Amino acid sequence: METRELRYFVAVAEELHFGRAAGRLGIAQPPLSRAIGGLERRLGAPLLERGSRGVTLTAAGAVLLREARAALDAVEAAERRTRRAALDAAGHPTVILAAKAGASGELLAKLLDAYAAEPGAVTVDVLLCGPGEQAGVLRDGRADVALLHRPFDDLAGFDTEDLHTEGQVAVLPAGHPLATRPHLSLAEVGALPDLPLPRWPRPDGTFPDGPGPQVRDHTQLTQLIALGRACAIVPESIRPSLHEGLTAIPVPDSPHVTTVIAWPPHSRSTAVAGLVRAATAL
């Protein structure tokens, strides 16, 4: 299969409409339809069900959509990393570290200081991401290494080293009736009628249904909590960044969070290796 065919198929599978997919790709609809038909014939399986009400994926089409996205991400990653390697060879070596904005701030600062003290350290550019974005930018080559959080982030396909494991806390407005409690349970936090848990975006940018407010970053979250519009369960290391008006209460039965440093298994970057060594030595 050619990458052009995969791009065509992904566009149709995501739009579920040949006309919209053609417009997205900037081509006419007839050659797009012929390309998808040729792909189906070569694979020996229908990928799409075409009906009067639109297009739906078959079981085989759902598999190809998942694999095609991964393949196209790998191609884009190869292009980005090749360009970066050329810049490194020209005397401008850098390593890009992806991290979730508002998370692991103290660990990240210590890591950067420790690596900067290493012989041969190169410039580290920090790419701050929204919730759940670090794995994606690492896969598609926008980052060389990332700080991820188990069990929330997808670690599949990466080499990793565990750095730090911690409990979680509930963040409430300081004046809330439960703010003086020594601890809370997950059930108690989830049942607060006046402080719903926030709704974070899915990988496709949509939000799950629910009563809580839509939240995209740490700043939005803390402001909504301070206004008495939400609460949150977050890793305990968030405490130092909480401003006045917020309080953190341990939630002992919440899952522990492990921060890991992750990198592509095929990486041969000496800068990435040095950054990983500095991280595991902390």
Protein backbone atom coordinates (compact mmCIF):
# COMPACT_ATOMS: atom_id res chain seq x y z
CA MET A 1 0.00 0.00 0.00
CA GLU A 2 1.13 3.53 -0.75
CA THR A 3 0.99 6.33 1.81
CA ARG A 4 -1.25 8.24 -0.64
CA GLU A 5 -3.81 5.43 -0.49
CA LEU A 6 -3.66 5.35 3.30
CA ARG A 7 -4.24 9.09 3.49
CA TYR A 8 -7.20 8.77 1.14
CA PHE A 9 -8.71 5.96 3.18
CA VAL A 10 -8.20 7.73 6.52
CA ALA A 11 -9.91 10.86 5.18
CA VAL A 12 -12.96 8.87 4.04
CA ALA A 13 -13.04 6.78 7.23
CA GLU A 14 -12.92 9.89 9.43
CA GLU A 15 -15.39 11.96 7.40
CA LEU A 16 -17.67 8.99 6.55
CA HIS A 17 -18.52 10.90 3.39
CA PHE A 18 -16.71 10.77 0.05
CA GLY A 19 -17.55 14.36 -0.87
CA ARG A 20 -16.26 15.84 2.38
CA ALA A 21 -13.17 13.63 2.23
CA ALA A 22 -12.43 14.76 -1.31
CA GLY A 23 -12.74 18.38 -0.27
CA ARG A 24 -10.44 17.79 2.69
CA LEU A 25 -7.85 16.17 0.41
CA GLY A 26 -8.22 18.79 -2.33
CA ILE A 27 -9.08 16.27 -5.05
CA ALA A 28 -12.15 15.35 -7.07
CA GLN A 29 -14.49 12.68 -5.74
CA PRO A 30 -14.30 10.18 -8.68
CA PRO A 31 -10.54 9.47 -8.37
CA LEU A 32 -10.95 9.16 -4.59
CA SER A 33 -13.71 6.57 -5.05
CA ARG A 34 -11.59 4.67 -7.60
CA ALA A 35 -8.59 4.66 -5.25
CA ILE A 36 -10.63 3.25 -2.35
CA GLY A 37 -12.22 0.66 -4.64
CA GLY A 38 -8.80 -0.43 -5.90
CA LEU A 39 -7.54 -0.72 -2.34
CA GLU A 40 -10.49 -2.93 -1.40
CA ARG A 41 -9.90 -5.19 -4.41
CA ARG A 42 -6.23 -5.64 -3.61
CA LEU A 43 -6.95 -6.39 0.04
CA GLY A 44 -9.79 -8.72 -0.88
CA ALA A 45 -12.16 -7.21 1.66
CA PRO A 46 -14.74 -4.41 1.74
CA LEU A 47 -13.54 -1.54 3.91
CA LEU A 48 -16.64 0.62 3.74
CA GLU A 49 -20.38 0.04 3.59
CA ARG A 50 -21.89 2.53 1.15
CA GLY A 51 -25.56 3.27 1.62
CA SER A 52 -28.17 5.94 0.96
CA ARG A 53 -27.64 7.32 4.45
CA GLY A 54 -23.88 7.58 4.14
CA VAL A 55 -20.74 5.55 4.68
CA THR A 56 -19.87 3.24 7.59
CA LEU A 57 -16.74 1.25 8.37
CA THR A 58 -16.67 -2.52 8.12
CA ALA A 59 -14.76 -4.59 10.67
CA ALA A 60 -11.84 -4.78 8.22
CA GLY A 61 -12.08 -1.04 7.65
CA ALA A 62 -11.86 -0.34 11.38
CA VAL A 63 -8.67 -2.40 11.55
CA LEU A 64 -7.15 -0.59 8.57
CA LEU A 65 -8.09 2.80 10.02
CA ARG A 66 -6.19 2.01 13.23
CA GLU A 67 -3.18 0.61 11.37
CA ALA A 68 -3.19 3.38 8.74
CA ARG A 69 -3.12 6.10 11.38
CA ALA A 70 -0.16 4.41 13.06
CA ALA A 71 1.63 3.98 9.72
CA LEU A 72 1.11 7.61 8.70
CA ASP A 73 2.27 8.79 12.12
CA ALA A 74 5.41 6.69 11.65
CA VAL A 75 6.06 8.26 8.23
CA GLU A 76 5.63 11.77 9.64
CA ALA A 77 7.88 10.89 12.57
CA ALA A 78 10.57 9.62 10.20
CA GLU A 79 10.45 12.86 8.21
CA ARG A 80 10.67 15.05 11.32
CA ARG A 81 13.45 13.05 12.93
CA THR A 82 15.46 12.98 9.70
CA ARG A 83 15.28 16.78 9.43
CA ARG A 84 16.25 17.08 13.09
CA ALA A 85 19.21 14.73 12.56
CA ALA A 86 20.39 16.94 9.71
CA LEU A 87 20.26 20.00 11.98
CA ASP A 88 22.14 18.12 14.69
CA ALA A 89 24.83 17.15 12.19
CA ALA A 90 25.13 20.81 11.14
CA GLY A 91 26.12 21.74 14.69
CA HIS A 92 22.77 22.60 16.27
CA PRO A 93 21.97 19.55 18.43
CA THR A 94 18.83 19.72 20.54
CA VAL A 95 16.52 17.28 22.26
CA ILE A 96 12.79 17.97 22.61
CA LEU A 97 11.16 16.86 25.85
CA ALA A 98 7.35 16.70 25.99
CA ALA A 99 5.62 17.12 29.34
CA LYS A 100 2.09 17.79 30.50
CA ALA A 101 1.60 21.44 31.43
CA GLY A 102 1.05 21.79 35.17
CA ALA A 103 2.28 18.28 36.00
CA SER A 104 5.59 17.03 37.41
CA GLY A 105 6.89 20.60 37.64
CA GLU A 106 9.38 19.96 40.44
CA LEU A 107 10.62 16.72 38.85
CA LEU A 108 10.99 18.41 35.46
CA ALA A 109 13.03 21.28 36.92
CA LYS A 110 15.34 18.87 38.74
CA LEU A 111 15.75 16.77 35.60
CA LEU A 112 16.70 19.74 33.44
CA ASP A 113 19.24 20.94 36.01
CA ALA A 114 20.74 17.46 36.41
CA TYR A 115 21.08 16.93 32.67
CA ALA A 116 22.56 20.41 32.09
CA ALA A 117 25.38 19.48 34.50
CA GLU A 118 26.27 16.39 32.45
CA PRO A 119 29.33 16.52 30.14
CA GLY A 120 28.21 16.87 26.55
CA ALA A 121 24.69 18.04 27.44
CA VAL A 122 22.81 19.68 24.57
CA THR A 123 19.98 22.20 24.56
CA VAL A 124 16.68 20.77 25.81
CA ASP A 125 13.55 22.35 24.38
CA VAL A 126 10.52 21.68 26.58
CA LEU A 127 7.23 21.15 24.76
CA LEU A 128 4.35 21.66 27.20
CA CYS A 129 1.27 19.68 26.19
CA GLY A 130 -2.38 19.45 27.08
CA PRO A 131 -3.80 16.40 28.87
CA GLY A 132 -2.90 13.16 27.10
CA GLU A 133 -1.01 14.84 24.25
CA GLN A 134 2.55 13.84 25.18
CA ALA A 135 2.33 10.29 23.78
CA GLY A 136 1.05 11.58 20.46
CA VAL A 137 3.81 14.14 19.96
CA LEU A 138 6.39 11.50 20.88
CA ARG A 139 4.94 9.04 18.35
CA ASP A 140 4.78 11.52 15.48
CA GLY A 141 8.31 12.84 15.97
CA ARG A 142 7.55 16.27 17.39
CA ALA A 143 9.33 15.17 20.59
CA ASP A 144 12.32 12.92 21.25
CA VAL A 145 11.44 11.96 24.81
CA ALA A 146 8.46 12.52 27.11
CA LEU A 147 7.29 12.43 30.71
CA LEU A 148 4.16 10.24 30.79
CA HIS A 149 1.87 9.16 33.59
CA ARG A 150 0.71 5.61 34.19
CA PRO A 151 -2.16 4.56 34.25
CA PHE A 152 -3.52 7.56 32.32
CA ASP A 153 -1.20 7.82 29.29
CA ASP A 154 -0.75 5.24 26.54
CA LEU A 155 2.76 3.77 26.91
CA ALA A 156 2.38 1.15 24.16
CA GLY A 157 5.38 0.95 21.85
CA PHE A 158 7.75 3.03 23.99
CA ASP A 159 10.78 2.15 26.07
CA THR A 160 10.27 3.55 29.57
CA GLU A 161 11.87 3.98 32.97
CA ASP A 162 9.81 4.60 36.11
CA LEU A 163 10.78 7.81 37.91
CA HIS A 164 8.28 8.51 40.67
CA THR A 165 5.08 7.02 42.12
CA GLU A 166 2.64 9.06 44.20
CA GLY A 167 -0.89 9.12 45.55
CA GLN A 168 -3.64 11.48 44.50
CA VAL A 169 -5.49 14.31 46.21
CA ALA A 170 -8.87 15.96 45.78
CA VAL A 171 -8.61 19.69 45.06
CA LEU A 172 -11.52 21.70 46.51
CA PRO A 173 -12.27 25.36 47.20
CA ALA A 174 -10.72 26.23 50.57
CA GLY A 175 -14.09 27.21 52.04
CA HIS A 176 -15.93 24.02 51.10
CA PRO A 177 -17.49 22.07 54.03
CA LEU A 178 -15.28 19.05 53.27
CA ALA A 179 -12.07 21.09 53.03
CA THR A 180 -11.15 20.30 56.66
CA ARG A 181 -11.46 16.53 56.28
CA PRO A 182 -8.20 14.54 56.75
CA HIS A 183 -9.04 12.41 53.70
CA LEU A 184 -11.83 11.60 51.24
CA SER A 185 -12.83 8.54 49.26
CA LEU A 186 -13.26 8.35 45.50
CA ALA A 187 -16.99 7.77 46.01
CA GLU A 188 -17.30 10.89 48.17
CA VAL A 189 -15.51 13.09 45.66
CA GLY A 190 -17.47 11.72 42.72
CA ALA A 191 -20.79 12.27 44.49
CA LEU A 192 -20.35 15.96 45.33
CA PRO A 193 -23.47 17.57 43.81
CA ASP A 194 -22.10 21.11 43.88
CA LEU A 195 -18.59 20.30 42.62
CA PRO A 196 -18.70 17.98 39.59
CA LEU A 197 -15.52 16.44 38.23
CA PRO A 198 -14.25 18.13 35.03
CA ARG A 199 -14.53 16.63 31.56
CA TRP A 200 -11.21 16.42 29.71
CA PRO A 201 -11.08 16.15 25.90
CA ARG A 202 -10.71 12.81 24.17
CA PRO A 203 -7.84 12.33 21.64
CA ASP A 204 -10.18 13.48 18.85
CA GLY A 205 -10.95 16.73 20.68
CA THR A 206 -14.52 15.87 21.70
CA PHE A 207 -15.69 15.77 25.30
CA PRO A 208 -17.50 12.92 27.09
CA ASP A 209 -21.03 13.57 28.31
CA GLY A 210 -21.50 14.57 31.92
CA PRO A 211 -22.39 17.39 34.29
CA GLY A 212 -18.86 18.69 34.83
CA PRO A 213 -17.36 21.65 32.96
CA GLN A 214 -15.20 21.15 29.88
CA VAL A 215 -11.53 21.70 30.78
CA ARG A 216 -8.48 21.79 28.53
CA ASP A 217 -5.63 22.82 30.84
CA HIS A 218 -4.48 23.22 34.44
CA THR A 219 -5.15 26.97 34.55
CA GLN A 220 -8.79 26.52 33.55
CA LEU A 221 -9.19 23.74 36.07
CA THR A 222 -7.82 25.63 39.08
CA GLN A 223 -9.86 28.74 38.24
CA LEU A 224 -13.09 26.72 38.00
CA ILE A 225 -12.35 25.02 41.33
CA ALA A 226 -11.64 28.37 43.00
CA LEU A 227 -14.98 29.65 41.66
CA GLY A 228 -16.77 26.66 43.19
CA ARG A 229 -17.72 25.16 39.83
CA ALA A 230 -15.70 21.92 39.93
CA CYS A 231 -13.36 19.69 41.90
CA ALA A 232 -10.59 17.40 40.69
CA ILE A 233 -8.54 14.36 41.64
CA VAL A 234 -4.91 14.92 40.70
CA PRO A 235 -1.42 13.64 41.60
CA GLU A 236 -0.17 14.82 44.99
CA SER A 237 2.81 16.64 43.44
CA ILE A 238 0.39 19.34 42.27
CA ARG A 239 0.28 20.76 45.84
CA PRO A 240 3.11 23.35 45.45
CA SER A 241 1.39 24.92 42.43
CA LEU A 242 -2.00 25.40 44.12
CA HIS A 243 -2.75 29.05 44.80
CA GLU A 244 -4.54 30.52 47.81
CA GLY A 245 -8.19 29.58 47.90
CA LEU A 246 -7.64 25.92 47.04
CA THR A 247 -7.01 22.97 49.31
CA ALA A 248 -5.79 19.43 48.62
CA ILE A 249 -7.14 16.44 50.56
CA PRO A 250 -5.66 12.91 50.22
CA VAL A 251 -7.80 10.30 48.44
CA PRO A 252 -6.24 7.02 49.69
CA ASP A 253 -8.34 4.69 47.51
CA SER A 254 -7.52 6.47 44.24
CA PRO A 255 -5.03 4.75 41.90
CA HIS A 256 -1.39 5.69 42.37
CA VAL A 257 0.22 7.62 39.53
CA THR A 258 3.69 6.72 38.24
CA THR A 259 5.64 9.28 36.22
CA VAL A 260 7.82 7.61 33.59
CA ILE A 261 10.31 8.86 31.06
CA ALA A 262 9.57 7.39 27.63
CA TRP A 263 11.34 7.34 24.27
CA PRO A 264 10.99 5.49 20.93
CA PRO A 265 12.67 2.06 21.12
CA HIS A 266 14.61 2.67 17.91
CA SER A 267 16.16 5.93 19.16
CA ARG A 268 19.93 6.09 18.83
CA SER A 269 20.26 9.65 20.11
CA THR A 270 23.08 10.10 22.61
CA ALA A 271 21.28 13.19 23.93
CA VAL A 272 18.15 11.17 24.68
CA ALA A 273 20.26 8.49 26.35
CA GLY A 274 21.95 11.13 28.49
CA LEU A 275 18.61 12.67 29.46
CA VAL A 276 17.24 9.25 30.46
CA ARG A 277 20.36 8.54 32.57
CA ALA A 278 19.98 11.88 34.33
CA ALA A 279 16.29 11.18 34.99
CA THR A 280 16.84 7.72 36.46
CA ALA A 281 19.66 9.01 38.65
CA LEU A 282 17.42 11.57 40.36
